[in-house]
């Protein structure tokens, strides 16, 4: 048996499958450019909170959220076919602003470096 918590191991498998499906099988243009940043699978393996990020304004985030929500049934069905689990977890997508925040911080640091050079 692999070391570590079972929900973490299964969560990693589910996240990889969802990422593959979004990249290869989901044709919704609203999910283009979406990056999956993490997953939290409940200890009973019945609920998955998948975190995503997308570059753009709030309208782009809302479009991506709507696209992901509409693909949830397809994703759940495909995970049931691809991963051997007793229960296929319910999937809920949540926006993760960490990439946007990191990009903003990088721009601030770049401005500080430019100011020091002058």
N, C-alpha and C. Protein backbone atom coordinates (compact mmCIF):
# COMPACT_ATOMS: atom_id res chain seq x y z
N UNK A 1 0.84 -1.18 0.00
CA UNK A 1 0.00 0.00 0.00
C UNK A 1 0.88 1.24 0.00
N UNK A 2 0.49 2.21 -0.79
CA UNK A 2 1.25 3.45 -0.86
C UNK A 2 1.08 4.26 0.42
N UNK A 3 2.11 4.97 0.83
CA UNK A 3 1.97 5.79 2.03
C UNK A 3 1.09 7.00 1.74
N UNK A 4 0.49 7.54 2.78
CA UNK A 4 -0.31 8.74 2.62
C UNK A 4 -1.79 8.46 2.75
N UNK A 5 -2.53 9.53 2.80
CA UNK A 5 -3.97 9.46 2.98
C UNK A 5 -4.65 9.03 1.68
N UNK A 6 -5.62 8.15 1.77
CA UNK A 6 -6.27 7.62 0.58
C UNK A 6 -6.96 8.71 -0.22
N UNK A 7 -7.61 9.66 0.45
CA UNK A 7 -8.33 10.71 -0.27
C UNK A 7 -7.37 11.57 -1.09
N UNK A 8 -6.14 11.74 -0.63
CA UNK A 8 -5.15 12.51 -1.38
C UNK A 8 -4.71 11.74 -2.62
N UNK A 9 -4.45 10.44 -2.45
CA UNK A 9 -4.04 9.62 -3.59
C UNK A 9 -5.13 9.54 -4.65
N UNK A 10 -6.36 9.28 -4.23
CA UNK A 10 -7.47 9.20 -5.17
C UNK A 10 -7.73 10.57 -5.79
N UNK A 11 -7.60 11.62 -5.01
CA UNK A 11 -7.78 12.99 -5.52
C UNK A 11 -6.81 13.31 -6.63
N UNK A 12 -5.57 12.86 -6.47
CA UNK A 12 -4.58 13.09 -7.53
C UNK A 12 -4.98 12.39 -8.83
N UNK A 13 -5.48 11.17 -8.71
CA UNK A 13 -5.92 10.43 -9.90
C UNK A 13 -7.10 11.13 -10.56
N UNK A 14 -8.07 11.55 -9.75
CA UNK A 14 -9.25 12.23 -10.28
C UNK A 14 -8.84 13.54 -10.96
N UNK A 15 -7.95 14.30 -10.35
CA UNK A 15 -7.51 15.56 -10.92
C UNK A 15 -6.82 15.35 -12.27
N UNK A 16 -5.96 14.34 -12.36
CA UNK A 16 -5.29 14.04 -13.63
C UNK A 16 -6.30 13.67 -14.71
N UNK A 17 -7.30 12.89 -14.35
CA UNK A 17 -8.32 12.49 -15.31
C UNK A 17 -9.14 13.69 -15.77
N UNK A 18 -9.53 14.55 -14.84
CA UNK A 18 -10.30 15.74 -15.21
C UNK A 18 -9.47 16.65 -16.11
N UNK A 19 -8.20 16.83 -15.79
CA UNK A 19 -7.33 17.66 -16.63
C UNK A 19 -7.23 17.08 -18.04
N UNK A 20 -7.04 15.77 -18.15
CA UNK A 20 -6.98 15.13 -19.46
C UNK A 20 -8.28 15.33 -20.22
N UNK A 21 -9.40 15.10 -19.56
CA UNK A 21 -10.70 15.22 -20.22
C UNK A 21 -10.96 16.65 -20.68
N UNK A 22 -10.60 17.63 -19.86
CA UNK A 22 -10.79 19.03 -20.26
C UNK A 22 -9.93 19.38 -21.47
N UNK A 23 -8.75 18.82 -21.52
CA UNK A 23 -7.82 19.12 -22.60
C UNK A 23 -8.20 18.39 -23.89
N UNK A 24 -8.60 17.13 -23.78
CA UNK A 24 -8.78 16.30 -24.96
C UNK A 24 -10.23 16.09 -25.39
N UNK A 25 -11.17 16.06 -24.46
CA UNK A 25 -12.52 15.63 -24.81
C UNK A 25 -13.57 16.72 -24.73
N UNK A 26 -13.41 17.70 -23.84
CA UNK A 26 -14.41 18.77 -23.70
C UNK A 26 -14.14 19.80 -24.78
N UNK A 27 -15.14 20.06 -25.60
CA UNK A 27 -15.00 20.98 -26.73
C UNK A 27 -15.60 22.35 -26.47
N UNK A 28 -16.00 22.62 -25.26
CA UNK A 28 -16.61 23.90 -24.91
C UNK A 28 -15.54 24.99 -24.95
N UNK A 29 -15.71 26.02 -25.77
CA UNK A 29 -14.68 27.08 -25.84
C UNK A 29 -14.55 27.88 -24.55
N UNK A 30 -15.53 27.81 -23.68
CA UNK A 30 -15.45 28.55 -22.42
C UNK A 30 -14.38 28.00 -21.49
N UNK A 31 -13.98 26.74 -21.67
CA UNK A 31 -12.98 26.15 -20.77
C UNK A 31 -11.57 26.20 -21.36
N UNK A 32 -11.41 26.84 -22.50
CA UNK A 32 -10.07 26.99 -23.07
C UNK A 32 -9.23 27.90 -22.18
N UNK A 33 -8.03 27.51 -21.90
CA UNK A 33 -7.13 28.32 -21.07
C UNK A 33 -7.32 28.12 -19.58
N UNK A 34 -8.16 27.19 -19.18
CA UNK A 34 -8.38 26.90 -17.76
C UNK A 34 -7.24 26.04 -17.25
N UNK A 35 -6.71 26.40 -16.10
CA UNK A 35 -5.67 25.63 -15.44
C UNK A 35 -6.22 25.08 -14.14
N UNK A 36 -6.12 23.79 -13.94
CA UNK A 36 -6.55 23.18 -12.69
C UNK A 36 -5.41 23.31 -11.70
N UNK A 37 -5.72 23.89 -10.53
CA UNK A 37 -4.65 24.18 -9.57
C UNK A 37 -4.65 23.25 -8.37
N UNK A 38 -5.73 22.51 -8.15
CA UNK A 38 -5.75 21.61 -7.00
C UNK A 38 -7.08 20.93 -6.83
N UNK A 39 -7.10 20.00 -5.89
CA UNK A 39 -8.33 19.27 -5.59
C UNK A 39 -8.35 18.97 -4.10
N UNK A 40 -9.54 19.00 -3.54
CA UNK A 40 -9.75 18.53 -2.17
C UNK A 40 -10.87 17.51 -2.23
N UNK A 41 -10.52 16.27 -1.96
CA UNK A 41 -11.48 15.18 -1.97
C UNK A 41 -11.84 14.85 -0.53
N UNK A 42 -13.14 14.75 -0.25
CA UNK A 42 -13.57 14.46 1.11
C UNK A 42 -13.04 13.08 1.54
N UNK A 43 -12.97 12.88 2.85
CA UNK A 43 -12.42 11.62 3.36
C UNK A 43 -13.24 10.41 2.94
N UNK A 44 -14.55 10.59 2.71
CA UNK A 44 -15.37 9.47 2.25
C UNK A 44 -15.37 9.33 0.73
N UNK A 45 -14.59 10.16 0.04
CA UNK A 45 -14.38 10.13 -1.41
C UNK A 45 -15.65 10.43 -2.20
N UNK A 46 -16.60 11.13 -1.60
CA UNK A 46 -17.87 11.40 -2.28
C UNK A 46 -18.00 12.82 -2.82
N UNK A 47 -17.17 13.74 -2.38
CA UNK A 47 -17.23 15.12 -2.85
C UNK A 47 -15.83 15.61 -3.22
N UNK A 48 -15.72 16.15 -4.43
CA UNK A 48 -14.44 16.69 -4.89
C UNK A 48 -14.60 18.18 -5.16
N UNK A 49 -13.77 18.97 -4.53
CA UNK A 49 -13.71 20.40 -4.80
C UNK A 49 -12.47 20.61 -5.67
N UNK A 50 -12.70 20.98 -6.93
CA UNK A 50 -11.60 21.16 -7.86
C UNK A 50 -11.40 22.66 -8.06
N UNK A 51 -10.17 23.11 -7.88
CA UNK A 51 -9.85 24.53 -7.98
C UNK A 51 -9.24 24.80 -9.35
N UNK A 52 -9.67 25.91 -9.96
CA UNK A 52 -9.18 26.27 -11.28
C UNK A 52 -8.78 27.73 -11.31
N UNK A 53 -7.97 28.06 -12.29
CA UNK A 53 -7.57 29.44 -12.51
C UNK A 53 -7.61 29.71 -14.01
N UNK A 54 -7.86 30.94 -14.36
CA UNK A 54 -7.87 31.35 -15.75
C UNK A 54 -7.41 32.80 -15.80
N UNK A 55 -6.58 33.10 -16.78
CA UNK A 55 -6.11 34.47 -16.93
C UNK A 55 -7.19 35.28 -17.64
N UNK A 56 -7.39 36.49 -17.18
CA UNK A 56 -8.40 37.35 -17.78
C UNK A 56 -9.17 38.09 -16.72
N UNK A 57 -10.19 38.79 -17.19
CA UNK A 57 -11.00 39.59 -16.28
C UNK A 57 -12.08 38.73 -15.61
N UNK A 58 -12.92 39.40 -14.83
CA UNK A 58 -13.97 38.67 -14.11
C UNK A 58 -14.96 38.01 -15.06
N UNK A 59 -15.21 38.62 -16.21
CA UNK A 59 -16.12 38.01 -17.19
C UNK A 59 -15.55 36.70 -17.70
N UNK A 60 -14.25 36.64 -17.93
CA UNK A 60 -13.61 35.40 -18.38
C UNK A 60 -13.71 34.32 -17.31
N UNK A 61 -13.55 34.71 -16.05
CA UNK A 61 -13.68 33.76 -14.95
C UNK A 61 -15.10 33.20 -14.90
N UNK A 62 -16.09 34.08 -15.07
CA UNK A 62 -17.49 33.63 -15.04
C UNK A 62 -17.80 32.70 -16.21
N UNK A 63 -17.26 33.01 -17.39
CA UNK A 63 -17.46 32.13 -18.55
C UNK A 63 -16.84 30.76 -18.30
N UNK A 64 -15.63 30.76 -17.75
CA UNK A 64 -14.96 29.49 -17.46
C UNK A 64 -15.74 28.70 -16.41
N UNK A 65 -16.24 29.38 -15.39
CA UNK A 65 -17.02 28.71 -14.35
C UNK A 65 -18.28 28.09 -14.96
N UNK A 66 -18.95 28.82 -15.83
CA UNK A 66 -20.16 28.31 -16.49
C UNK A 66 -19.83 27.10 -17.37
N UNK A 67 -18.72 27.17 -18.11
CA UNK A 67 -18.31 26.06 -18.95
C UNK A 67 -17.97 24.82 -18.14
N UNK A 68 -17.27 25.00 -17.05
CA UNK A 68 -16.92 23.87 -16.19
C UNK A 68 -18.16 23.27 -15.54
N UNK A 69 -19.06 24.13 -15.10
CA UNK A 69 -20.30 23.62 -14.49
C UNK A 69 -21.12 22.82 -15.49
N UNK A 70 -21.15 23.27 -16.75
CA UNK A 70 -21.93 22.53 -17.75
C UNK A 70 -21.27 21.21 -18.13
N UNK A 71 -19.97 21.10 -17.95
CA UNK A 71 -19.25 19.86 -18.29
C UNK A 71 -19.19 18.88 -17.12
N UNK A 72 -19.72 19.26 -15.98
CA UNK A 72 -19.59 18.43 -14.78
C UNK A 72 -20.19 17.04 -14.96
N UNK A 73 -21.37 16.94 -15.55
CA UNK A 73 -22.00 15.64 -15.75
C UNK A 73 -21.17 14.73 -16.64
N UNK A 74 -20.67 15.29 -17.73
CA UNK A 74 -19.80 14.53 -18.64
C UNK A 74 -18.54 14.07 -17.91
N UNK A 75 -17.91 14.97 -17.16
CA UNK A 75 -16.68 14.63 -16.44
C UNK A 75 -16.93 13.52 -15.43
N UNK A 76 -18.03 13.63 -14.70
CA UNK A 76 -18.34 12.62 -13.69
C UNK A 76 -18.57 11.25 -14.34
N UNK A 77 -19.28 11.23 -15.45
CA UNK A 77 -19.55 9.98 -16.16
C UNK A 77 -18.24 9.36 -16.66
N UNK A 78 -17.37 10.17 -17.24
CA UNK A 78 -16.11 9.66 -17.77
C UNK A 78 -15.18 9.18 -16.66
N UNK A 79 -15.17 9.87 -15.52
CA UNK A 79 -14.35 9.41 -14.39
C UNK A 79 -14.86 8.06 -13.91
N UNK A 80 -16.17 7.88 -13.89
CA UNK A 80 -16.74 6.59 -13.50
C UNK A 80 -16.29 5.47 -14.42
N UNK A 81 -16.11 5.78 -15.70
CA UNK A 81 -15.65 4.77 -16.65
C UNK A 81 -14.15 4.51 -16.55
N UNK A 82 -13.37 5.53 -16.23
CA UNK A 82 -11.92 5.44 -16.28
C UNK A 82 -11.27 5.04 -14.96
N UNK A 83 -11.88 5.39 -13.83
CA UNK A 83 -11.28 5.15 -12.52
C UNK A 83 -12.14 4.15 -11.76
N UNK A 84 -11.52 3.13 -11.21
CA UNK A 84 -12.23 2.09 -10.48
C UNK A 84 -12.52 2.55 -9.06
N UNK A 85 -13.70 3.15 -8.86
CA UNK A 85 -14.12 3.63 -7.55
C UNK A 85 -15.52 3.10 -7.26
N UNK A 86 -15.80 2.89 -5.99
CA UNK A 86 -17.15 2.46 -5.61
C UNK A 86 -18.14 3.59 -5.88
N UNK A 87 -17.78 4.81 -5.50
CA UNK A 87 -18.61 5.97 -5.74
C UNK A 87 -17.82 6.98 -6.56
N UNK A 88 -18.45 7.54 -7.57
CA UNK A 88 -17.81 8.62 -8.32
C UNK A 88 -18.11 9.90 -7.56
N UNK A 89 -17.09 10.65 -7.20
CA UNK A 89 -17.34 11.84 -6.38
C UNK A 89 -18.13 12.91 -7.15
N UNK A 90 -18.94 13.63 -6.40
CA UNK A 90 -19.60 14.81 -6.95
C UNK A 90 -18.54 15.88 -7.16
N UNK A 91 -18.61 16.59 -8.27
CA UNK A 91 -17.57 17.56 -8.61
C UNK A 91 -18.12 18.98 -8.52
N UNK A 92 -17.40 19.82 -7.83
CA UNK A 92 -17.72 21.23 -7.73
C UNK A 92 -16.46 22.01 -8.05
N UNK A 93 -16.59 23.00 -8.93
CA UNK A 93 -15.44 23.81 -9.32
C UNK A 93 -15.45 25.14 -8.57
N UNK A 94 -14.26 25.55 -8.13
CA UNK A 94 -14.08 26.81 -7.41
C UNK A 94 -12.92 27.58 -8.05
N UNK A 95 -13.10 28.89 -8.20
CA UNK A 95 -12.05 29.74 -8.77
C UNK A 95 -10.94 29.94 -7.75
N UNK A 96 -9.70 29.81 -8.20
CA UNK A 96 -8.50 30.00 -7.38
C UNK A 96 -7.74 31.21 -7.93
N UNK A 97 -7.75 32.32 -7.22
CA UNK A 97 -7.11 33.54 -7.75
C UNK A 97 -5.60 33.58 -7.56
N UNK A 98 -4.95 32.51 -7.14
CA UNK A 98 -3.52 32.55 -6.82
C UNK A 98 -2.65 32.88 -8.03
N UNK A 99 -2.98 32.38 -9.24
CA UNK A 99 -2.17 32.70 -10.41
C UNK A 99 -2.27 34.19 -10.76
N UNK A 100 -3.47 34.73 -10.64
CA UNK A 100 -3.67 36.15 -10.92
C UNK A 100 -2.91 37.00 -9.89
N UNK A 101 -2.97 36.58 -8.64
CA UNK A 101 -2.26 37.31 -7.58
C UNK A 101 -0.75 37.23 -7.80
N UNK A 102 -0.26 36.05 -8.16
CA UNK A 102 1.18 35.89 -8.43
C UNK A 102 1.63 36.74 -9.60
N UNK A 103 0.84 36.81 -10.65
CA UNK A 103 1.16 37.64 -11.81
C UNK A 103 1.20 39.11 -11.41
N UNK A 104 0.26 39.53 -10.59
CA UNK A 104 0.22 40.92 -10.12
C UNK A 104 1.47 41.23 -9.28
N UNK A 105 1.85 40.31 -8.40
CA UNK A 105 3.03 40.52 -7.57
C UNK A 105 4.30 40.59 -8.42
N UNK A 106 4.38 39.76 -9.44
CA UNK A 106 5.54 39.78 -10.33
C UNK A 106 5.68 41.13 -11.02
N UNK A 107 4.56 41.71 -11.45
CA UNK A 107 4.61 43.04 -12.08
C UNK A 107 5.08 44.11 -11.09
N UNK A 108 4.65 44.00 -9.84
CA UNK A 108 5.08 44.95 -8.82
C UNK A 108 6.58 44.83 -8.60
N UNK A 109 7.09 43.60 -8.49
CA UNK A 109 8.52 43.40 -8.31
C UNK A 109 9.31 43.92 -9.50
N UNK A 110 8.80 43.75 -10.69
CA UNK A 110 9.48 44.25 -11.89
C UNK A 110 9.56 45.77 -11.86
N UNK A 111 8.50 46.43 -11.44
CA UNK A 111 8.51 47.90 -11.33
C UNK A 111 9.52 48.34 -10.28
N UNK A 112 9.62 47.59 -9.19
CA UNK A 112 10.58 47.94 -8.14
C UNK A 112 12.01 47.79 -8.66
N UNK A 113 12.27 46.72 -9.43
CA UNK A 113 13.61 46.53 -10.01
C UNK A 113 13.96 47.67 -10.97
N UNK A 114 12.99 48.06 -11.78
CA UNK A 114 13.22 49.16 -12.73
C UNK A 114 13.50 50.47 -11.99
N UNK A 115 12.80 50.70 -10.89
CA UNK A 115 13.01 51.92 -10.09
C UNK A 115 14.39 51.93 -9.45
N UNK A 116 14.87 50.77 -9.03
CA UNK A 116 16.21 50.68 -8.41
C UNK A 116 17.31 50.94 -9.44
N UNK A 117 17.09 50.54 -10.67
CA UNK A 117 18.10 50.71 -11.73
C UNK A 117 18.26 52.16 -12.15
N UNK A 118 17.26 52.97 -11.92
CA UNK A 118 17.31 54.37 -12.36
C UNK A 118 18.14 55.24 -11.44
